[in-house]
Amino acid sequence: MKNKDYLGKIIKVKMDRPFGTKHPKHGFIYPVNYGYIPNTISDDGEEIDVYLLGVFEPVKEYEGECIAIIHRTNDNDDKLVVVPIGKNYSNDAINALTEFQEQYFEHIIIRNE
């Protein structure tokens, strides 16, 4: 399954870096839940990464809707953007909420047409 195939789909996400936890290497605090889709492989050889937006407490697992892909143009590690079902965020809001990590990469936001 290609990353674009996840757009508009309901996805189950596991969090390895829940809201409020500290990054093990870089020391920043995660202002959103950050995780992955189990049993997938992305272009970087790891599982597909996910930003979970709109859930402002730490969670271990979550099932939500993929509304966008952050496609890094200078890296091979796209991120899916998952939100509670029926919720939506503008591209500006997605950029603001993921800036803590995405500020170090050039990217575009991909959505369903």
PDB file of N, CA and C in Angstrom:
ATOM      1  N   MET A   1       0.846  -1.189   0.000  1.00  0.00           N
ATOM      2  CA  MET A   1       0.000   0.000   0.000  1.00  0.00           C
ATOM      3  C   MET A   1       0.886   1.245   0.000  1.00  0.00           C
ATOM      4  N   LYS A   2       0.651   2.149  -0.920  1.00  0.00           N
ATOM      5  CA  LYS A   2       1.407   3.401  -0.961  1.00  0.00           C
ATOM      6  C   LYS A   2       0.813   4.378   0.052  1.00  0.00           C
ATOM      7  N   ASN A   3       1.620   5.340   0.486  1.00  0.00           N
ATOM      8  CA  ASN A   3       1.149   6.299   1.482  1.00  0.00           C
ATOM      9  C   ASN A   3      -0.137   6.999   1.052  1.00  0.00           C
ATOM     10  N   LYS A   4      -0.246   7.349  -0.236  1.00  0.00           N
ATOM     11  CA  LYS A   4      -1.446   8.046  -0.725  1.00  0.00           C
ATOM     12  C   LYS A   4      -2.699   7.195  -0.556  1.00  0.00           C
ATOM     13  N   ASP A   5      -2.529   5.868  -0.538  1.00  0.00           N
ATOM     14  CA  ASP A   5      -3.680   4.981  -0.370  1.00  0.00           C
ATOM     15  C   ASP A   5      -4.325   5.115   1.009  1.00  0.00           C
ATOM     16  N   TYR A   6      -3.608   5.693   1.969  1.00  0.00           N
ATOM     17  CA  TYR A   6      -4.148   5.860   3.324  1.00  0.00           C
ATOM     18  C   TYR A   6      -5.068   7.076   3.444  1.00  0.00           C
ATOM     19  N   LEU A   7      -4.971   8.018   2.505  1.00  0.00           N
ATOM     20  CA  LEU A   7      -5.786   9.231   2.580  1.00  0.00           C
ATOM     21  C   LEU A   7      -7.273   8.896   2.618  1.00  0.00           C
ATOM     22  N   GLY A   8      -7.981   9.476   3.598  1.00  0.00           N
ATOM     23  CA  GLY A   8      -9.413   9.249   3.734  1.00  0.00           C
ATOM     24  C   GLY A   8      -9.783   7.953   4.439  1.00  0.00           C
ATOM     25  N   LYS A   9      -8.800   7.145   4.784  1.00  0.00           N
ATOM     26  CA  LYS A   9      -9.049   5.849   5.419  1.00  0.00           C
ATOM     27  C   LYS A   9      -9.003   5.970   6.949  1.00  0.00           C
ATOM     28  N   ILE A  10      -9.693   5.046   7.616  1.00  0.00           N
ATOM     29  CA  ILE A  10      -9.626   4.929   9.069  1.00  0.00           C
ATOM     30  C   ILE A  10      -8.442   4.015   9.377  1.00  0.00           C
ATOM     31  N   ILE A  11      -7.556   4.495  10.250  1.00  0.00           N
ATOM     32  CA  ILE A  11      -6.286   3.810  10.501  1.00  0.00           C
ATOM     33  C   ILE A  11      -6.089   3.625  11.998  1.00  0.00           C
ATOM     34  N   LYS A  12      -5.550   2.462  12.370  1.00  0.00           N
ATOM     35  CA  LYS A  12      -5.194   2.207  13.761  1.00  0.00           C
ATOM     36  C   LYS A  12      -3.710   2.529  13.947  1.00  0.00           C
ATOM     37  N   VAL A  13      -3.418   3.386  14.932  1.00  0.00           N
ATOM     38  CA  VAL A  13      -2.051   3.876  15.161  1.00  0.00           C
ATOM     39  C   VAL A  13      -1.586   3.457  16.548  1.00  0.00           C
ATOM     40  N   LYS A  14      -0.324   3.040  16.643  1.00  0.00           N
ATOM     41  CA  LYS A  14       0.313   2.789  17.941  1.00  0.00           C
ATOM     42  C   LYS A  14       1.262   3.944  18.219  1.00  0.00           C
ATOM     43  N   MET A  15       1.250   4.446  19.443  1.00  0.00           N
ATOM     44  CA  MET A  15       2.124   5.562  19.802  1.00  0.00           C
ATOM     45  C   MET A  15       3.402   5.039  20.451  1.00  0.00           C
ATOM     46  N   ASP A  16       4.534   5.455  19.906  1.00  0.00           N
ATOM     47  CA  ASP A  16       5.787   5.186  20.593  1.00  0.00           C
ATOM     48  C   ASP A  16       6.305   6.457  21.260  1.00  0.00           C
ATOM     49  N   ARG A  17       5.708   7.591  20.910  1.00  0.00           N
ATOM     50  CA  ARG A  17       6.064   8.866  21.549  1.00  0.00           C
ATOM     51  C   ARG A  17       4.767   9.631  21.845  1.00  0.00           C
ATOM     52  N   PRO A  18       4.119   9.268  22.945  1.00  0.00           N
ATOM     53  CA  PRO A  18       2.856   9.928  23.276  1.00  0.00           C
ATOM     54  C   PRO A  18       3.038  11.414  23.605  1.00  0.00           C
ATOM     55  N   PHE A  19       1.949  12.129  23.500  1.00  0.00           N
ATOM     56  CA  PHE A  19       1.858  13.548  23.867  1.00  0.00           C
ATOM     57  C   PHE A  19       2.592  13.791  25.193  1.00  0.00           C
ATOM     58  N   GLY A  20       3.502  14.778  25.191  1.00  0.00           N
ATOM     59  CA  GLY A  20       4.195  15.160  26.423  1.00  0.00           C
ATOM     60  C   GLY A  20       5.464  14.396  26.740  1.00  0.00           C
ATOM     61  N   THR A  21       5.826  13.389  25.927  1.00  0.00           N
ATOM     62  CA  THR A  21       7.058  12.646  26.198  1.00  0.00           C
ATOM     63  C   THR A  21       8.246  13.338  25.543  1.00  0.00           C
ATOM     64  N   LYS A  22       9.416  12.985  26.009  1.00  0.00           N
ATOM     65  CA  LYS A  22      10.657  13.604  25.536  1.00  0.00           C
ATOM     66  C   LYS A  22      11.299  12.738  24.457  1.00  0.00           C
ATOM     67  N   HIS A  23      11.797  13.388  23.404  1.00  0.00           N
ATOM     68  CA  HIS A  23      12.506  12.656  22.348  1.00  0.00           C
ATOM     69  C   HIS A  23      13.793  12.078  22.944  1.00  0.00           C
ATOM     70  N   PRO A  24      14.076  10.786  22.689  1.00  0.00           N
ATOM     71  CA  PRO A  24      15.239  10.146  23.320  1.00  0.00           C
ATOM     72  C   PRO A  24      16.593  10.740  22.927  1.00  0.00           C
ATOM     73  N   LYS A  25      16.730  11.270  21.699  1.00  0.00           N
ATOM     74  CA  LYS A  25      18.014  11.817  21.257  1.00  0.00           C
ATOM     75  C   LYS A  25      18.065  13.330  21.314  1.00  0.00           C
ATOM     76  N   HIS A  26      17.000  13.978  20.840  1.00  0.00           N
ATOM     77  CA  HIS A  26      17.049  15.422  20.648  1.00  0.00           C
ATOM     78  C   HIS A  26      16.489  16.223  21.813  1.00  0.00           C
ATOM     79  N   GLY A  27      15.816  15.564  22.747  1.00  0.00           N
ATOM     80  CA  GLY A  27      15.427  16.211  23.991  1.00  0.00           C
ATOM     81  C   GLY A  27      14.184  17.081  23.962  1.00  0.00           C
ATOM     82  N   PHE A  28      13.576  17.291  22.771  1.00  0.00           N
ATOM     83  CA  PHE A  28      12.371  18.120  22.765  1.00  0.00           C
ATOM     84  C   PHE A  28      11.176  17.314  23.279  1.00  0.00           C
ATOM     85  N   ILE A  29      10.134  18.016  23.685  1.00  0.00           N
ATOM     86  CA  ILE A  29       8.907  17.390  24.178  1.00  0.00           C
ATOM     87  C   ILE A  29       7.892  17.315  23.033  1.00  0.00           C
ATOM     88  N   TYR A  30       7.263  16.169  22.878  1.00  0.00           N
ATOM     89  CA  TYR A  30       6.257  16.000  21.825  1.00  0.00           C
ATOM     90  C   TYR A  30       4.967  16.728  22.197  1.00  0.00           C
ATOM     91  N   PRO A  31       4.586  17.751  21.406  1.00  0.00           N
ATOM     92  CA  PRO A  31       3.341  18.471  21.673  1.00  0.00           C
ATOM     93  C   PRO A  31       2.113  17.796  21.053  1.00  0.00           C
ATOM     94  N   VAL A  32       2.333  16.668  20.381  1.00  0.00           N
ATOM     95  CA  VAL A  32       1.250  15.856  19.805  1.00  0.00           C
ATOM     96  C   VAL A  32       1.618  14.392  20.028  1.00  0.00           C
ATOM     97  N   ASN A  33       0.639  13.514  19.915  1.00  0.00           N
ATOM     98  CA  ASN A  33       0.930  12.082  19.928  1.00  0.00           C
ATOM     99  C   ASN A  33       1.591  11.725  18.599  1.00  0.00           C
ATOM    100  N   TYR A  34       2.641  10.907  18.673  1.00  0.00           N
ATOM    101  CA  TYR A  34       3.407  10.540  17.485  1.00  0.00           C
ATOM    102  C   TYR A  34       3.606   9.029  17.530  1.00  0.00           C
ATOM    103  N   GLY A  35       3.291   8.378  16.421  1.00  0.00           N
ATOM    104  CA  GLY A  35       3.418   6.930  16.420  1.00  0.00           C
ATOM    105  C   GLY A  35       3.600   6.375  15.027  1.00  0.00           C
ATOM    106  N   TYR A  36       3.057   5.181  14.824  1.00  0.00           N
ATOM    107  CA  TYR A  36       3.283   4.470  13.567  1.00  0.00           C
ATOM    108  C   TYR A  36       2.140   3.503  13.305  1.00  0.00           C
ATOM    109  N   ILE A  37       2.083   3.029  12.076  1.00  0.00           N
ATOM    110  CA  ILE A  37       1.128   1.990  11.705  1.00  0.00           C
ATOM    111  C   ILE A  37       1.865   0.657  11.784  1.00  0.00           C
ATOM    112  N   PRO A  38       1.447  -0.214  12.702  1.00  0.00           N
ATOM    113  CA  PRO A  38       2.138  -1.505  12.849  1.00  0.00           C
ATOM    114  C   PRO A  38       2.142  -2.315  11.550  1.00  0.00           C
ATOM    115  N   ASN A  39       3.198  -3.078  11.380  1.00  0.00           N
ATOM    116  CA  ASN A  39       3.328  -4.019  10.257  1.00  0.00           C
ATOM    117  C   ASN A  39       3.310  -3.344   8.894  1.00  0.00           C
ATOM    118  N   THR A  40       3.884  -2.147   8.818  1.00  0.00           N
ATOM    119  CA  THR A  40       4.039  -1.451   7.539  1.00  0.00           C
ATOM    120  C   THR A  40       5.519  -1.136   7.365  1.00  0.00           C
ATOM    121  N   ILE A  41       5.904  -0.810   6.154  1.00  0.00           N
ATOM    122  CA  ILE A  41       7.282  -0.394   5.879  1.00  0.00           C
ATOM    123  C   ILE A  41       7.222   0.858   5.007  1.00  0.00           C
ATOM    124  N   SER A  42       7.910   1.910   5.452  1.00  0.00           N
ATOM    125  CA  SER A  42       7.962   3.135   4.649  1.00  0.00           C
ATOM    126  C   SER A  42       9.281   3.168   3.888  1.00  0.00           C
ATOM    127  N   ASP A  43       9.488   4.234   3.144  1.00  0.00           N
ATOM    128  CA  ASP A  43      10.689   4.343   2.310  1.00  0.00           C
ATOM    129  C   ASP A  43      11.980   4.368   3.115  1.00  0.00           C
ATOM    130  N   ASP A  44      11.900   4.708   4.417  1.00  0.00           N
ATOM    131  CA  ASP A  44      13.120   4.725   5.226  1.00  0.00           C
ATOM    132  C   ASP A  44      13.402   3.371   5.875  1.00  0.00           C
ATOM    133  N   GLY A  45      12.561   2.347   5.560  1.00  0.00           N
ATOM    134  CA  GLY A  45      12.777   1.009   6.095  1.00  0.00           C
ATOM    135  C   GLY A  45      12.121   0.775   7.445  1.00  0.00           C
ATOM    136  N   GLU A  46      11.557   1.803   8.044  1.00  0.00           N
ATOM    137  CA  GLU A  46      10.854   1.692   9.323  1.00  0.00           C
ATOM    138  C   GLU A  46       9.352   1.669   9.046  1.00  0.00           C
ATOM    139  N   GLU A  47       8.571   1.501  10.116  1.00  0.00           N
ATOM    140  CA  GLU A  47       7.122   1.552   9.946  1.00  0.00           C
ATOM    141  C   GLU A  47       6.690   2.971   9.582  1.00  0.00           C
ATOM    142  N   ILE A  48       5.519   3.099   8.969  1.00  0.00           N
ATOM    143  CA  ILE A  48       5.022   4.412   8.531  1.00  0.00           C
ATOM    144  C   ILE A  48       4.685   5.253   9.759  1.00  0.00           C
ATOM    145  N   ASP A  49       5.276   6.451   9.822  1.00  0.00           N
ATOM    146  CA  ASP A  49       5.088   7.356  10.957  1.00  0.00           C
ATOM    147  C   ASP A  49       3.797   8.143  10.833  1.00  0.00           C
ATOM    148  N   VAL A  50       3.241   8.505  11.987  1.00  0.00           N
ATOM    149  CA  VAL A  50       1.965   9.200  12.040  1.00  0.00           C
ATOM    150  C   VAL A  50       2.004  10.301  13.099  1.00  0.00           C
ATOM    151  N   TYR A  51       1.528  11.476  12.717  1.00  0.00           N
ATOM    152  CA  TYR A  51       1.194  12.517  13.686  1.00  0.00           C
ATOM    153  C   TYR A  51      -0.284  12.375  13.987  1.00  0.00           C
ATOM    154  N   LEU A  52      -0.639  12.251  15.254  1.00  0.00           N
ATOM    155  CA  LEU A  52      -2.043  12.240  15.657  1.00  0.00           C
ATOM    156  C   LEU A  52      -2.377  13.630  16.186  1.00  0.00           C
ATOM    157  N   LEU A  53      -3.221  14.347  15.470  1.00  0.00           N
ATOM    158  CA  LEU A  53      -3.612  15.698  15.858  1.00  0.00           C
ATOM    159  C   LEU A  53      -5.022  15.680  16.436  1.00  0.00           C
ATOM    160  N   GLY A  54      -5.291  16.590  17.356  1.00  0.00           N
ATOM    161  CA  GLY A  54      -6.640  16.720  17.900  1.00  0.00           C
ATOM    162  C   GLY A  54      -6.921  15.869  19.117  1.00  0.00           C
ATOM    163  N   VAL A  55      -5.918  15.174  19.640  1.00  0.00           N
ATOM    164  CA  VAL A  55      -6.055  14.389  20.873  1.00  0.00           C
ATOM    165  C   VAL A  55      -4.992  14.920  21.821  1.00  0.00           C
ATOM    166  N   PHE A  56      -5.434  15.684  22.822  1.00  0.00           N
ATOM    167  CA  PHE A  56      -4.499  16.440  23.655  1.00  0.00           C
ATOM    168  C   PHE A  56      -4.238  15.781  24.998  1.00  0.00           C
ATOM    169  N   GLU A  57      -4.072  14.473  24.960  1.00  0.00           N
ATOM    170  CA  GLU A  57      -3.657  13.695  26.120  1.00  0.00           C
ATOM    171  C   GLU A  57      -2.885  12.500  25.580  1.00  0.00           C
ATOM    172  N   PRO A  58      -1.978  11.934  26.370  1.00  0.00           N
ATOM    173  CA  PRO A  58      -1.215  10.785  25.880  1.00  0.00           C
ATOM    174  C   PRO A  58      -2.127   9.577  25.666  1.00  0.00           C
ATOM    175  N   VAL A  59      -1.965   8.920  24.530  1.00  0.00           N
ATOM    176  CA  VAL A  59      -2.686   7.675  24.256  1.00  0.00           C
ATOM    177  C   VAL A  59      -1.694   6.632  23.764  1.00  0.00           C
ATOM    178  N   LYS A  60      -2.018   5.356  23.982  1.00  0.00           N
ATOM    179  CA  LYS A  60      -1.140   4.276  23.520  1.00  0.00           C
ATOM    180  C   LYS A  60      -1.517   3.817  22.124  1.00  0.00           C
ATOM    181  N   GLU A  61      -2.813   3.813  21.842  1.00  0.00           N
ATOM    182  CA  GLU A  61      -3.325   3.432  20.527  1.00  0.00           C
ATOM    183  C   GLU A  61      -4.478   4.359  20.197  1.00  0.00           C
ATOM    184  N   TYR A  62      -4.740   4.509  18.893  1.00  0.00           N
ATOM    185  CA  TYR A  62      -5.842   5.366  18.479  1.00  0.00           C
ATOM    186  C   TYR A  62      -6.282   4.971  17.085  1.00  0.00           C
ATOM    187  N   GLU A  63      -7.570   5.043  16.857  1.00  0.00           N
ATOM    188  CA  GLU A  63      -8.095   4.791  15.526  1.00  0.00           C
ATOM    189  C   GLU A  63      -8.710   6.092  15.024  1.00  0.00           C
ATOM    190  N   GLY A  64      -8.170   6.613  13.941  1.00  0.00           N
ATOM    191  CA  GLY A  64      -8.637   7.879  13.403  1.00  0.00           C
ATOM    192  C   GLY A  64      -8.541   7.904  11.892  1.00  0.00           C
ATOM    193  N   GLU A  65      -8.839   9.066  11.336  1.00  0.00           N
ATOM    194  CA  GLU A  65      -8.879   9.228   9.885  1.00  0.00           C
ATOM    195  C   GLU A  65      -7.621   9.926   9.379  1.00  0.00           C
ATOM    196  N   CYS A  66      -7.046   9.399   8.317  1.00  0.00           N
ATOM    197  CA  CYS A  66      -5.877  10.024   7.685  1.00  0.00           C
ATOM    198  C   CYS A  66      -6.379  11.138   6.766  1.00  0.00           C
ATOM    199  N   ILE A  67      -6.056  12.392   7.117  1.00  0.00           N
ATOM    200  CA  ILE A  67      -6.527  13.529   6.312  1.00  0.00           C
ATOM    201  C   ILE A  67      -5.445  14.109   5.411  1.00  0.00           C
ATOM    202  N   ALA A  68      -4.172  13.759   5.673  1.00  0.00           N
ATOM    203  CA  ALA A  68      -3.092  14.358   4.880  1.00  0.00           C
ATOM    204  C   ALA A  68      -1.813  13.546   5.032  1.00  0.00           C
ATOM    205  N   ILE A  69      -0.884  13.835   4.132  1.00  0.00           N
ATOM    206  CA  ILE A  69       0.468  13.276   4.195  1.00  0.00           C
ATOM    207  C   ILE A  69       1.434  14.450   4.180  1.00  0.00           C
ATOM    208  N   ILE A  70       2.376  14.436   5.096  1.00  0.00           N
ATOM    209  CA  ILE A  70       3.479  15.396   5.032  1.00  0.00           C
ATOM    210  C   ILE A  70       4.577  14.706   4.232  1.00  0.00           C
ATOM    211  N   HIS A  71       4.748  15.160   3.005  1.00  0.00           N
ATOM    212  CA  HIS A  71       5.737  14.564   2.100  1.00  0.00           C
ATOM    213  C   HIS A  71       7.013  15.402   2.166  1.00  0.00           C
ATOM    214  N   ARG A  72       8.034  14.806   2.745  1.00  0.00           N
ATOM    215  CA  ARG A  72       9.325  15.493   2.856  1.00  0.00           C
ATOM    216  C   ARG A  72      10.032  15.437   1.513  1.00  0.00           C
ATOM    217  N   THR A  73      10.364  16.611   0.977  1.00  0.00           N
ATOM    218  CA  THR A  73      11.000  16.668  -0.341  1.00  0.00           C
ATOM    219  C   THR A  73      12.515  16.527  -0.244  1.00  0.00           C
ATOM    220  N   ASN A  74      13.066  16.632   0.974  1.00  0.00           N
ATOM    221  CA  ASN A  74      14.516  16.469   1.141  1.00  0.00           C
ATOM    222  C   ASN A  74      14.848  15.316   2.081  1.00  0.00           C
ATOM    223  N   ASP A  75      13.935  14.355   2.192  1.00  0.00           N
ATOM    224  CA  ASP A  75      14.114  13.199   3.067  1.00  0.00           C
ATOM    225  C   ASP A  75      13.163  12.115   2.551  1.00  0.00           C
ATOM    226  N   ASN A  76      13.380  10.871   2.934  1.00  0.00           N
ATOM    227  CA  ASN A  76      12.509   9.801   2.432  1.00  0.00           C
ATOM    228  C   ASN A  76      11.616   9.249   3.539  1.00  0.00           C
ATOM    229  N   ASP A  77      11.098  10.133   4.385  1.00  0.00           N
ATOM    230  CA  ASP A  77      10.323   9.688   5.539  1.00  0.00           C
ATOM    231  C   ASP A  77       9.020  10.491   5.656  1.00  0.00           C
ATOM    232  N   ASP A  78       8.058  10.175   4.799  1.00  0.00           N
ATOM    233  CA  ASP A  78       6.761  10.847   4.850  1.00  0.00           C
ATOM    234  C   ASP A  78       6.057  10.540   6.177  1.00  0.00           C
ATOM    235  N   LYS A  79       5.182  11.437   6.590  1.00  0.00           N
ATOM    236  CA  LYS A  79       4.400  11.276   7.819  1.00  0.00           C
ATOM    237  C   LYS A  79       2.919  11.378   7.471  1.00  0.00           C
ATOM    238  N   LEU A  80       2.118  10.462   7.992  1.00  0.00           N
ATOM    239  CA  LEU A  80       0.676  10.570   7.825  1.00  0.00           C
ATOM    240  C   LEU A  80       0.130  11.484   8.917  1.00  0.00           C
ATOM    241  N   VAL A  81      -0.941  12.198   8.616  1.00  0.00           N
ATOM    242  CA  VAL A  81      -1.623  13.037   9.589  1.00  0.00           C
ATOM    243  C   VAL A  81      -2.980  12.402   9.861  1.00  0.00           C
ATOM    244  N   VAL A  82      -3.168  11.935  11.102  1.00  0.00           N
ATOM    245  CA  VAL A  82      -4.397  11.266  11.505  1.00  0.00           C
ATOM    246  C   VAL A  82      -5.093  12.136  12.546  1.00  0.00           C
ATOM    247  N   VAL A  83      -6.421  12.211  12.451  1.00  0.00           N
ATOM    248  CA  VAL A  83      -7.235  13.025  13.358  1.00  0.00           C
ATOM    249  C   VAL A  83      -8.461  12.215  13.787  1.00  0.00           C
ATOM    250  N   PRO A  84      -9.158  12.687  14.846  1.00  0.00           N
ATOM    251  CA  PRO A  84     -10.422  12.030  15.190  1.00  0.00           C
ATOM    252  C   PRO A  84     -11.378  12.057  13.992  1.00  0.00           C
ATOM    253  N   ILE A  85     -12.149  11.001  13.831  1.00  0.00           N
ATOM    254  CA  ILE A  85     -13.059  10.877  12.683  1.00  0.00           C
ATOM    255  C   ILE A  85     -14.004  12.082  12.647  1.00  0.00           C
ATOM    256  N   GLY A  86     -14.084  12.709  11.466  1.00  0.00           N
ATOM    257  CA  GLY A  86     -14.954  13.856  11.285  1.00  0.00           C
ATOM    258  C   GLY A  86     -14.302  15.199  11.564  1.00  0.00           C
ATOM    259  N   LYS A  87     -13.075  15.184  12.081  1.00  0.00           N
ATOM    260  CA  LYS A  87     -12.352  16.423  12.375  1.00  0.00           C
ATOM    261  C   LYS A  87     -11.472  16.764  11.173  1.00  0.00           C
ATOM    262  N   ASN A  88     -11.147  18.047  11.023  1.00  0.00           N
ATOM    263  CA  ASN A  88     -10.264  18.429   9.927  1.00  0.00           C
ATOM    264  C   ASN A  88      -9.350  19.550  10.394  1.00  0.00           C
ATOM    265  N   TYR A  89      -8.228  19.679   9.774  1.00  0.00           N
ATOM    266  CA  TYR A  89      -7.263  20.741  10.047  1.00  0.00           C
ATOM    267  C   TYR A  89      -6.812  21.331   8.729  1.00  0.00           C
ATOM    268  N   SER A  90      -6.629  22.646   8.702  1.00  0.00           N
ATOM    269  CA  SER A  90      -6.089  23.302   7.511  1.00  0.00           C
ATOM    270  C   SER A  90      -4.608  22.956   7.376  1.00  0.00           C
ATOM    271  N   ASN A  91      -4.057  23.200   6.189  1.00  0.00           N
ATOM    272  CA  ASN A  91      -2.619  22.991   6.004  1.00  0.00           C
ATOM    273  C   ASN A  91      -1.815  23.866   6.958  1.00  0.00           C
ATOM    274  N   ASP A  92      -2.268  25.097   7.189  1.00  0.00           N
ATOM    275  CA  ASP A  92      -1.569  25.988   8.126  1.00  0.00           C
ATOM    276  C   ASP A  92      -1.565  25.399   9.530  1.00  0.00           C
ATOM    277  N   ALA A  93      -2.691  24.850   9.959  1.00  0.00           N
ATOM    278  CA  ALA A  93      -2.768  24.244  11.296  1.00  0.00           C
ATOM    279  C   ALA A  93      -1.863  23.015  11.386  1.00  0.00           C
ATOM    280  N   ILE A  94      -1.863  22.191  10.338  1.00  0.00           N
ATOM    281  CA  ILE A  94      -0.982  21.011  10.324  1.00  0.00           C
ATOM    282  C   ILE A  94       0.472  21.455  10.420  1.00  0.00           C
ATOM    283  N   ASN A  95       0.854  22.467   9.647  1.00  0.00           N
ATOM    284  CA  ASN A  95       2.232  22.969   9.705  1.00  0.00           C
ATOM    285  C   ASN A  95       2.570  23.491  11.096  1.00  0.00           C
ATOM    286  N   ALA A  96       1.652  24.221  11.713  1.00  0.00           N
ATOM    287  CA  ALA A  96       1.910  24.784  13.045  1.00  0.00           C
ATOM    288  C   ALA A  96       2.062  23.679  14.090  1.00  0.00           C
ATOM    289  N   LEU A  97       1.210  22.668  14.030  1.00  0.00           N
ATOM    290  CA  LEU A  97       1.232  21.608  15.043  1.00  0.00           C
ATOM    291  C   LEU A  97       2.401  20.641  14.878  1.00  0.00           C
ATOM    292  N   THR A  98       2.974  20.559  13.676  1.00  0.00           N
ATOM    293  CA  THR A  98       4.088  19.630  13.444  1.00  0.00           C
ATOM    294  C   THR A  98       5.429  20.351  13.289  1.00  0.00           C
ATOM    295  N   GLU A  99       5.421  21.658  13.435  1.00  0.00           N
ATOM    296  CA  GLU A  99       6.629  22.446  13.226  1.00  0.00           C
ATOM    297  C   GLU A  99       7.779  22.039  14.155  1.00  0.00           C
ATOM    298  N   PHE A 100       7.447  21.574  15.351  1.00  0.00           N
ATOM    299  CA  PHE A 100       8.489  21.171  16.300  1.00  0.00           C
ATOM    300  C   PHE A 100       9.470  20.190  15.677  1.00  0.00           C
ATOM    301  N   GLN A 101       9.012  19.407  14.704  1.00  0.00           N
ATOM    302  CA  GLN A 101       9.881  18.429  14.053  1.00  0.00           C
ATOM    303  C   GLN A 101      10.071  18.726  12.566  1.00  0.00           C
ATOM    304  N   GLU A 102       9.025  19.184  11.909  1.00  0.00           N
ATOM    305  CA  GLU A 102       9.090  19.393  10.458  1.00  0.00           C
ATOM    306  C   GLU A 102       9.867  20.653  10.067  1.00  0.00           C
ATOM    307  N   GLN A 103      10.168  21.529  11.021  1.00  0.00           N
ATOM    308  CA  GLN A 103      10.935  22.741  10.703  1.00  0.00           C
ATOM    309  C   GLN A 103      12.322  22.409  10.142  1.00  0.00           C
ATOM    310  N   TYR A 104      12.789  21.205  10.370  1.00  0.00           N
ATOM    311  CA  TYR A 104      14.118  20.806   9.909  1.00  0.00           C
ATOM    312  C   TYR A 104      14.098  20.186   8.511  1.00  0.00           C
ATOM    313  N   PHE A 105      12.910  20.087   7.912  1.00  0.00           N
ATOM    314  CA  PHE A 105      12.759  19.433   6.607  1.00  0.00           C
ATOM    315  C   PHE A 105      11.915  20.290   5.683  1.00  0.00           C
ATOM    316  N   GLU A 106      12.209  20.202   4.396  1.00  0.00           N
ATOM    317  CA  GLU A 106      11.334  20.805   3.397  1.00  0.00           C
ATOM    318  C   GLU A 106      10.223  19.795   3.134  1.00  0.00           C
ATOM    319  N   HIS A 107       8.978  20.286   3.011  1.00  0.00           N
ATOM    320  CA  HIS A 107       7.887  19.354   2.783  1.00  0.00           C
ATOM    321  C   HIS A 107       6.701  20.034   2.106  1.00  0.00           C
ATOM    322  N   ILE A 108       5.849  19.200   1.563  1.00  0.00           N
ATOM    323  CA  ILE A 108       4.555  19.649   1.053  1.00  0.00           C
ATOM    324  C   ILE A 108       3.489  18.785   1.724  1.00  0.00           C
ATOM    325  N   ILE A 109       2.284  19.315   1.788  1.00  0.00           N
ATOM    326  CA  ILE A 109       1.172  18.566   2.364  1.00  0.00           C
ATOM    327  C   ILE A 109       0.311  18.045   1.215  1.00  0.00           C
ATOM    328  N   ILE A 110       0.091  16.741   1.223  1.00  0.00           N
ATOM    329  CA  ILE A 110      -0.704  16.079   0.187  1.00  0.00           C
ATOM    330  C   ILE A 110      -2.049  15.697   0.787  1.00  0.00           C
ATOM    331  N   ARG A 111      -3.124  15.996   0.052  1.00  0.00           N
ATOM    332  CA  ARG A 111      -4.475  15.638   0.468  1.00  0.00           C
ATOM    333  C   ARG A 111      -5.211  15.023  -0.702  1.00  0.00           C
ATOM    334  N   ASN A 112      -6.358  14.415  -0.412  1.00  0.00           N
ATOM    335  CA  ASN A 112      -7.222  13.966  -1.509  1.00  0.00           C
ATOM    336  C   ASN A 112      -7.716  15.188  -2.251  1.00  0.00           C
ATOM    337  N   GLU A 113      -7.848  15.065  -3.531  1.00  0.00           N
ATOM    338  CA  GLU A 113      -8.309  16.190  -4.352  1.00  0.00           C
ATOM    339  C   GLU A 113      -9.739  16.555  -4.017  1.00  0.00           C
TER     340      GLU A 113
END
